[in-house]
Amino acid sequence: MVHGWPQRADAAASVWLVCGTEDRFISAAQLMAPQLPSGHFLALPGGHAWTVWSAGARTVFAQQVAALERP
């Protein structure tokens, strides 16, 4: 599923990956990050926890709202 995303931007355009810097899966997430569009990977302070993912979701949603508001 992830393979080929760089060549199919439409397939990855709505995918973001948020991972805590102390998450046990950070290495795997960093391996996947280059397959995503620029800016679609967020490594935030914390571990494998909802607090990290919630903060990431707020960041992503704020970025999307700002992009929609641009002329």
PDB file of N, CA and C in Angstrom:
ATOM      1  N   MET A   1       0.821  -1.195   0.000  1.00  0.00           N
ATOM      2  CA  MET A   1       0.000   0.000   0.000  1.00  0.00           C
ATOM      3  C   MET A   1       0.867   1.262   0.000  1.00  0.00           C
ATOM      4  N   VAL A   2       1.882   1.308   0.817  1.00  0.00           N
ATOM      5  CA  VAL A   2       2.735   2.488   0.888  1.00  0.00           C
ATOM      6  C   VAL A   2       3.679   2.560  -0.301  1.00  0.00           C
ATOM      7  N   HIS A   3       4.126   1.405  -0.764  1.00  0.00           N
ATOM      8  CA  HIS A   3       5.051   1.373  -1.892  1.00  0.00           C
ATOM      9  C   HIS A   3       4.432   2.080  -3.101  1.00  0.00           C
ATOM     10  N   GLY A   4       5.179   2.969  -3.677  1.00  0.00           N
ATOM     11  CA  GLY A   4       4.709   3.670  -4.865  1.00  0.00           C
ATOM     12  C   GLY A   4       4.023   4.990  -4.594  1.00  0.00           C
ATOM     13  N   TRP A   5       3.822   5.346  -3.328  1.00  0.00           N
ATOM     14  CA  TRP A   5       3.166   6.612  -3.037  1.00  0.00           C
ATOM     15  C   TRP A   5       3.897   7.812  -3.614  1.00  0.00           C
ATOM     16  N   PRO A   6       5.227   7.823  -3.653  1.00  0.00           N
ATOM     17  CA  PRO A   6       5.882   8.998  -4.243  1.00  0.00           C
ATOM     18  C   PRO A   6       5.479   9.222  -5.704  1.00  0.00           C
ATOM     19  N   GLN A   7       5.152   8.151  -6.412  1.00  0.00           N
ATOM     20  CA  GLN A   7       4.742   8.282  -7.798  1.00  0.00           C
ATOM     21  C   GLN A   7       3.231   8.530  -7.931  1.00  0.00           C
ATOM     22  N   ARG A   8       2.488   8.299  -6.862  1.00  0.00           N
ATOM     23  CA  ARG A   8       1.037   8.497  -6.883  1.00  0.00           C
ATOM     24  C   ARG A   8       0.640   9.437  -5.749  1.00  0.00           C
ATOM     25  N   ALA A   9       0.911  10.689  -5.965  1.00  0.00           N
ATOM     26  CA  ALA A   9       0.645  11.679  -4.922  1.00  0.00           C
ATOM     27  C   ALA A   9      -0.822  11.670  -4.494  1.00  0.00           C
ATOM     28  N   ASP A  10      -1.719  11.355  -5.412  1.00  0.00           N
ATOM     29  CA  ASP A  10      -3.138  11.325  -5.070  1.00  0.00           C
ATOM     30  C   ASP A  10      -3.452  10.264  -4.019  1.00  0.00           C
ATOM     31  N   ALA A  11      -2.714   9.173  -4.020  1.00  0.00           N
ATOM     32  CA  ALA A  11      -2.949   8.093  -3.059  1.00  0.00           C
ATOM     33  C   ALA A  11      -2.498   8.457  -1.655  1.00  0.00           C
ATOM     34  N   ALA A  12      -1.516   9.315  -1.540  1.00  0.00           N
ATOM     35  CA  ALA A  12      -0.963   9.669  -0.234  1.00  0.00           C
ATOM     36  C   ALA A  12      -1.386  11.053   0.246  1.00  0.00           C
ATOM     37  N   ALA A  13      -2.084  11.798  -0.576  1.00  0.00           N
ATOM     38  CA  ALA A  13      -2.397  13.190  -0.250  1.00  0.00           C
ATOM     39  C   ALA A  13      -3.211  13.351   1.034  1.00  0.00           C
ATOM     40  N   SER A  14      -3.993  12.354   1.389  1.00  0.00           N
ATOM     41  CA  SER A  14      -4.821  12.477   2.594  1.00  0.00           C
ATOM     42  C   SER A  14      -4.306  11.612   3.742  1.00  0.00           C
ATOM     43  N   VAL A  15      -3.022  11.246   3.689  1.00  0.00           N
ATOM     44  CA  VAL A  15      -2.441  10.409   4.733  1.00  0.00           C
ATOM     45  C   VAL A  15      -1.383  11.191   5.499  1.00  0.00           C
ATOM     46  N   TRP A  16      -1.509  11.188   6.811  1.00  0.00           N
ATOM     47  CA  TRP A  16      -0.510  11.774   7.698  1.00  0.00           C
ATOM     48  C   TRP A  16      -0.113  10.709   8.706  1.00  0.00           C
ATOM     49  N   LEU A  17       1.124  10.789   9.145  1.00  0.00           N
ATOM     50  CA  LEU A  17       1.614   9.854  10.151  1.00  0.00           C
ATOM     51  C   LEU A  17       2.166  10.675  11.308  1.00  0.00           C
ATOM     52  N   VAL A  18       1.636  10.417  12.494  1.00  0.00           N
ATOM     53  CA  VAL A  18       2.078  11.103  13.707  1.00  0.00           C
ATOM     54  C   VAL A  18       2.655  10.054  14.647  1.00  0.00           C
ATOM     55  N   CYS A  19       3.848  10.322  15.137  1.00  0.00           N
ATOM     56  CA  CYS A  19       4.518   9.367  16.015  1.00  0.00           C
ATOM     57  C   CYS A  19       5.255  10.136  17.104  1.00  0.00           C
ATOM     58  N   GLY A  20       5.248   9.590  18.292  1.00  0.00           N
ATOM     59  CA  GLY A  20       5.997  10.198  19.388  1.00  0.00           C
ATOM     60  C   GLY A  20       7.485   9.912  19.258  1.00  0.00           C
ATOM     61  N   THR A  21       8.299  10.851  19.637  1.00  0.00           N
ATOM     62  CA  THR A  21       9.746  10.676  19.542  1.00  0.00           C
ATOM     63  C   THR A  21      10.242   9.559  20.455  1.00  0.00           C
ATOM     64  N   GLU A  22       9.461   9.216  21.472  1.00  0.00           N
ATOM     65  CA  GLU A  22       9.822   8.127  22.384  1.00  0.00           C
ATOM     66  C   GLU A  22       8.995   6.865  22.110  1.00  0.00           C
ATOM     67  N   ASP A  23       8.227   6.890  21.036  1.00  0.00           N
ATOM     68  CA  ASP A  23       7.391   5.742  20.656  1.00  0.00           C
ATOM     69  C   ASP A  23       8.278   4.574  20.244  1.00  0.00           C
ATOM     70  N   ARG A  24       7.899   3.382  20.631  1.00  0.00           N
ATOM     71  CA  ARG A  24       8.697   2.214  20.261  1.00  0.00           C
ATOM     72  C   ARG A  24       8.670   1.961  18.755  1.00  0.00           C
ATOM     73  N   PHE A  25       7.747   2.601  18.040  1.00  0.00           N
ATOM     74  CA  PHE A  25       7.644   2.426  16.593  1.00  0.00           C
ATOM     75  C   PHE A  25       8.249   3.590  15.807  1.00  0.00           C
ATOM     76  N   ILE A  26       8.984   4.481  16.456  1.00  0.00           N
ATOM     77  CA  ILE A  26       9.528   5.656  15.773  1.00  0.00           C
ATOM     78  C   ILE A  26      10.443   5.261  14.614  1.00  0.00           C
ATOM     79  N   SER A  27      11.231   4.222  14.760  1.00  0.00           N
ATOM     80  CA  SER A  27      12.129   3.810  13.673  1.00  0.00           C
ATOM     81  C   SER A  27      11.338   3.382  12.438  1.00  0.00           C
ATOM     82  N   ALA A  28      10.285   2.619  12.648  1.00  0.00           N
ATOM     83  CA  ALA A  28       9.440   2.188  11.530  1.00  0.00           C
ATOM     84  C   ALA A  28       8.742   3.387  10.897  1.00  0.00           C
ATOM     85  N   ALA A  29       8.270   4.301  11.729  1.00  0.00           N
ATOM     86  CA  ALA A  29       7.599   5.494  11.208  1.00  0.00           C
ATOM     87  C   ALA A  29       8.563   6.337  10.376  1.00  0.00           C
ATOM     88  N   GLN A  30       9.790   6.453  10.823  1.00  0.00           N
ATOM     89  CA  GLN A  30      10.786   7.220  10.078  1.00  0.00           C
ATOM     90  C   GLN A  30      11.120   6.556   8.744  1.00  0.00           C
ATOM     91  N   LEU A  31      11.025   5.240   8.683  1.00  0.00           N
ATOM     92  CA  LEU A  31      11.234   4.543   7.415  1.00  0.00           C
ATOM     93  C   LEU A  31      10.089   4.805   6.438  1.00  0.00           C
ATOM     94  N   MET A  32       8.874   4.957   6.965  1.00  0.00           N
ATOM     95  CA  MET A  32       7.712   5.225   6.120  1.00  0.00           C
ATOM     96  C   MET A  32       7.617   6.683   5.698  1.00  0.00           C
ATOM     97  N   ALA A  33       8.146   7.577   6.500  1.00  0.00           N
ATOM     98  CA  ALA A  33       7.991   9.013   6.274  1.00  0.00           C
ATOM     99  C   ALA A  33       8.371   9.471   4.863  1.00  0.00           C
ATOM    100  N   PRO A  34       9.466   8.998   4.277  1.00  0.00           N
ATOM    101  CA  PRO A  34       9.818   9.458   2.929  1.00  0.00           C
ATOM    102  C   PRO A  34       8.807   9.056   1.851  1.00  0.00           C
ATOM    103  N   GLN A  35       7.948   8.098   2.146  1.00  0.00           N
ATOM    104  CA  GLN A  35       6.929   7.680   1.180  1.00  0.00           C
ATOM    105  C   GLN A  35       5.727   8.610   1.178  1.00  0.00           C
ATOM    106  N   LEU A  36       5.644   9.467   2.187  1.00  0.00           N
ATOM    107  CA  LEU A  36       4.533  10.402   2.322  1.00  0.00           C
ATOM    108  C   LEU A  36       4.878  11.747   1.698  1.00  0.00           C
ATOM    109  N   PRO A  37       3.859  12.529   1.360  1.00  0.00           N
ATOM    110  CA  PRO A  37       4.132  13.881   0.877  1.00  0.00           C
ATOM    111  C   PRO A  37       4.884  14.690   1.933  1.00  0.00           C
ATOM    112  N   SER A  38       5.626  15.657   1.486  1.00  0.00           N
ATOM    113  CA  SER A  38       6.375  16.525   2.395  1.00  0.00           C
ATOM    114  C   SER A  38       5.444  17.125   3.444  1.00  0.00           C
ATOM    115  N   GLY A  39       5.871  17.069   4.692  1.00  0.00           N
ATOM    116  CA  GLY A  39       5.082  17.642   5.773  1.00  0.00           C
ATOM    117  C   GLY A  39       4.014  16.725   6.339  1.00  0.00           C
ATOM    118  N   HIS A  40       3.876  15.517   5.810  1.00  0.00           N
ATOM    119  CA  HIS A  40       2.831  14.607   6.275  1.00  0.00           C
ATOM    120  C   HIS A  40       3.305  13.643   7.355  1.00  0.00           C
ATOM    121  N   PHE A  41       4.510  13.819   7.841  1.00  0.00           N
ATOM    122  CA  PHE A  41       5.019  13.036   8.975  1.00  0.00           C
ATOM    123  C   PHE A  41       5.353  13.992  10.097  1.00  0.00           C
ATOM    124  N   LEU A  42       4.783  13.738  11.253  1.00  0.00           N
ATOM    125  CA  LEU A  42       5.063  14.559  12.428  1.00  0.00           C
ATOM    126  C   LEU A  42       5.626  13.673  13.530  1.00  0.00           C
ATOM    127  N   ALA A  43       6.792  14.015  14.032  1.00  0.00           N
ATOM    128  CA  ALA A  43       7.373  13.362  15.198  1.00  0.00           C
ATOM    129  C   ALA A  43       7.270  14.354  16.347  1.00  0.00           C
ATOM    130  N   LEU A  44       6.408  14.056  17.291  1.00  0.00           N
ATOM    131  CA  LEU A  44       6.144  14.959  18.405  1.00  0.00           C
ATOM    132  C   LEU A  44       6.668  14.364  19.702  1.00  0.00           C
ATOM    133  N   PRO A  45       6.987  15.206  20.675  1.00  0.00           N
ATOM    134  CA  PRO A  45       7.468  14.697  21.959  1.00  0.00           C
ATOM    135  C   PRO A  45       6.450  13.748  22.591  1.00  0.00           C
ATOM    136  N   GLY A  46       6.949  12.633  23.085  1.00  0.00           N
ATOM    137  CA  GLY A  46       6.084  11.692  23.770  1.00  0.00           C
ATOM    138  C   GLY A  46       6.261  10.278  23.258  1.00  0.00           C
ATOM    139  N   GLY A  47       5.420   9.398  23.757  1.00  0.00           N
ATOM    140  CA  GLY A  47       5.513   7.989  23.405  1.00  0.00           C
ATOM    141  C   GLY A  47       4.369   7.534  22.527  1.00  0.00           C
ATOM    142  N   HIS A  48       3.991   6.276  22.693  1.00  0.00           N
ATOM    143  CA  HIS A  48       2.908   5.655  21.943  1.00  0.00           C
ATOM    144  C   HIS A  48       1.623   5.934  22.713  1.00  0.00           C
ATOM    145  N   ALA A  49       1.047   7.137  22.502  1.00  0.00           N
ATOM    146  CA  ALA A  49      -0.058   7.572  23.353  1.00  0.00           C
ATOM    147  C   ALA A  49      -1.013   8.497  22.616  1.00  0.00           C
ATOM    148  N   TRP A  50      -2.260   8.473  23.074  1.00  0.00           N
ATOM    149  CA  TRP A  50      -3.277   9.339  22.489  1.00  0.00           C
ATOM    150  C   TRP A  50      -2.922  10.808  22.599  1.00  0.00           C
ATOM    151  N   THR A  51      -2.218  11.211  23.642  1.00  0.00           N
ATOM    152  CA  THR A  51      -1.863  12.625  23.780  1.00  0.00           C
ATOM    153  C   THR A  51      -1.008  13.084  22.601  1.00  0.00           C
ATOM    154  N   VAL A  52      -0.126  12.220  22.135  1.00  0.00           N
ATOM    155  CA  VAL A  52       0.720  12.544  20.973  1.00  0.00           C
ATOM    156  C   VAL A  52      -0.133  12.619  19.717  1.00  0.00           C
ATOM    157  N   TRP A  53      -0.970  11.616  19.503  1.00  0.00           N
ATOM    158  CA  TRP A  53      -1.785  11.556  18.279  1.00  0.00           C
ATOM    159  C   TRP A  53      -2.813  12.679  18.251  1.00  0.00           C
ATOM    160  N   SER A  54      -3.385  13.019  19.405  1.00  0.00           N
ATOM    161  CA  SER A  54      -4.351  14.118  19.467  1.00  0.00           C
ATOM    162  C   SER A  54      -3.692  15.447  19.133  1.00  0.00           C
ATOM    163  N   ALA A  55      -2.501  15.664  19.682  1.00  0.00           N
ATOM    164  CA  ALA A  55      -1.761  16.892  19.376  1.00  0.00           C
ATOM    165  C   ALA A  55      -1.427  16.941  17.885  1.00  0.00           C
ATOM    166  N   GLY A  56      -1.026  15.804  17.326  1.00  0.00           N
ATOM    167  CA  GLY A  56      -0.734  15.750  15.898  1.00  0.00           C
ATOM    168  C   GLY A  56      -1.957  16.033  15.054  1.00  0.00           C
ATOM    169  N   ALA A  57      -3.095  15.490  15.457  1.00  0.00           N
ATOM    170  CA  ALA A  57      -4.335  15.732  14.718  1.00  0.00           C
ATOM    171  C   ALA A  57      -4.693  17.214  14.745  1.00  0.00           C
ATOM    172  N   ARG A  58      -4.540  17.850  15.891  1.00  0.00           N
ATOM    173  CA  ARG A  58      -4.822  19.290  15.979  1.00  0.00           C
ATOM    174  C   ARG A  58      -3.913  20.071  15.031  1.00  0.00           C
ATOM    175  N   THR A  59      -2.644  19.687  14.975  1.00  0.00           N
ATOM    176  CA  THR A  59      -1.690  20.361  14.089  1.00  0.00           C
ATOM    177  C   THR A  59      -2.080  20.171  12.631  1.00  0.00           C
ATOM    178  N   VAL A  60      -2.385  18.945  12.256  1.00  0.00           N
ATOM    179  CA  VAL A  60      -2.761  18.654  10.871  1.00  0.00           C
ATOM    180  C   VAL A  60      -4.036  19.398  10.493  1.00  0.00           C
ATOM    181  N   PHE A  61      -5.048  19.355  11.357  1.00  0.00           N
ATOM    182  CA  PHE A  61      -6.301  20.041  11.050  1.00  0.00           C
ATOM    183  C   PHE A  61      -6.090  21.538  10.925  1.00  0.00           C
ATOM    184  N   ALA A  62      -5.282  22.117  11.787  1.00  0.00           N
ATOM    185  CA  ALA A  62      -5.001  23.557  11.705  1.00  0.00           C
ATOM    186  C   ALA A  62      -4.295  23.898  10.394  1.00  0.00           C
ATOM    187  N   GLN A  63      -3.367  23.062   9.974  1.00  0.00           N
ATOM    188  CA  GLN A  63      -2.682  23.291   8.699  1.00  0.00           C
ATOM    189  C   GLN A  63      -3.649  23.211   7.527  1.00  0.00           C
ATOM    190  N   GLN A  64      -4.552  22.251   7.580  1.00  0.00           N
ATOM    191  CA  GLN A  64      -5.520  22.090   6.493  1.00  0.00           C
ATOM    192  C   GLN A  64      -6.492  23.256   6.431  1.00  0.00           C
ATOM    193  N   VAL A  65      -6.958  23.722   7.568  1.00  0.00           N
ATOM    194  CA  VAL A  65      -7.849  24.883   7.610  1.00  0.00           C
ATOM    195  C   VAL A  65      -7.111  26.112   7.048  1.00  0.00           C
ATOM    196  N   ALA A  66      -5.878  26.309   7.466  1.00  0.00           N
ATOM    197  CA  ALA A  66      -5.095  27.448   6.968  1.00  0.00           C
ATOM    198  C   ALA A  66      -4.920  27.354   5.461  1.00  0.00           C
ATOM    199  N   ALA A  67      -4.687  26.165   4.936  1.00  0.00           N
ATOM    200  CA  ALA A  67      -4.511  25.990   3.492  1.00  0.00           C
ATOM    201  C   ALA A  67      -5.809  26.305   2.753  1.00  0.00           C
ATOM    202  N   LEU A  68      -6.941  25.946   3.318  1.00  0.00           N
ATOM    203  CA  LEU A  68      -8.225  26.233   2.692  1.00  0.00           C
ATOM    204  C   LEU A  68      -8.550  27.729   2.698  1.00  0.00           C
ATOM    205  N   GLU A  69      -8.045  28.430   3.699  1.00  0.00           N
ATOM    206  CA  GLU A  69      -8.324  29.860   3.826  1.00  0.00           C
ATOM    207  C   GLU A  69      -7.423  30.729   2.969  1.00  0.00           C
ATOM    208  N   ARG A  70      -6.361  30.147   2.418  1.00  0.00           N
ATOM    209  CA  ARG A  70      -5.476  30.928   1.552  1.00  0.00           C
ATOM    210  C   ARG A  70      -6.188  31.266   0.246  1.00  0.00           C
ATOM    211  N   PRO A  71      -5.986  32.507  -0.221  1.00  0.00           N
ATOM    212  CA  PRO A  71      -6.620  32.893  -1.513  1.00  0.00           C
ATOM    213  C   PRO A  71      -6.018  32.178  -2.695  1.00  0.00           C
TER     214      PRO A  71
END
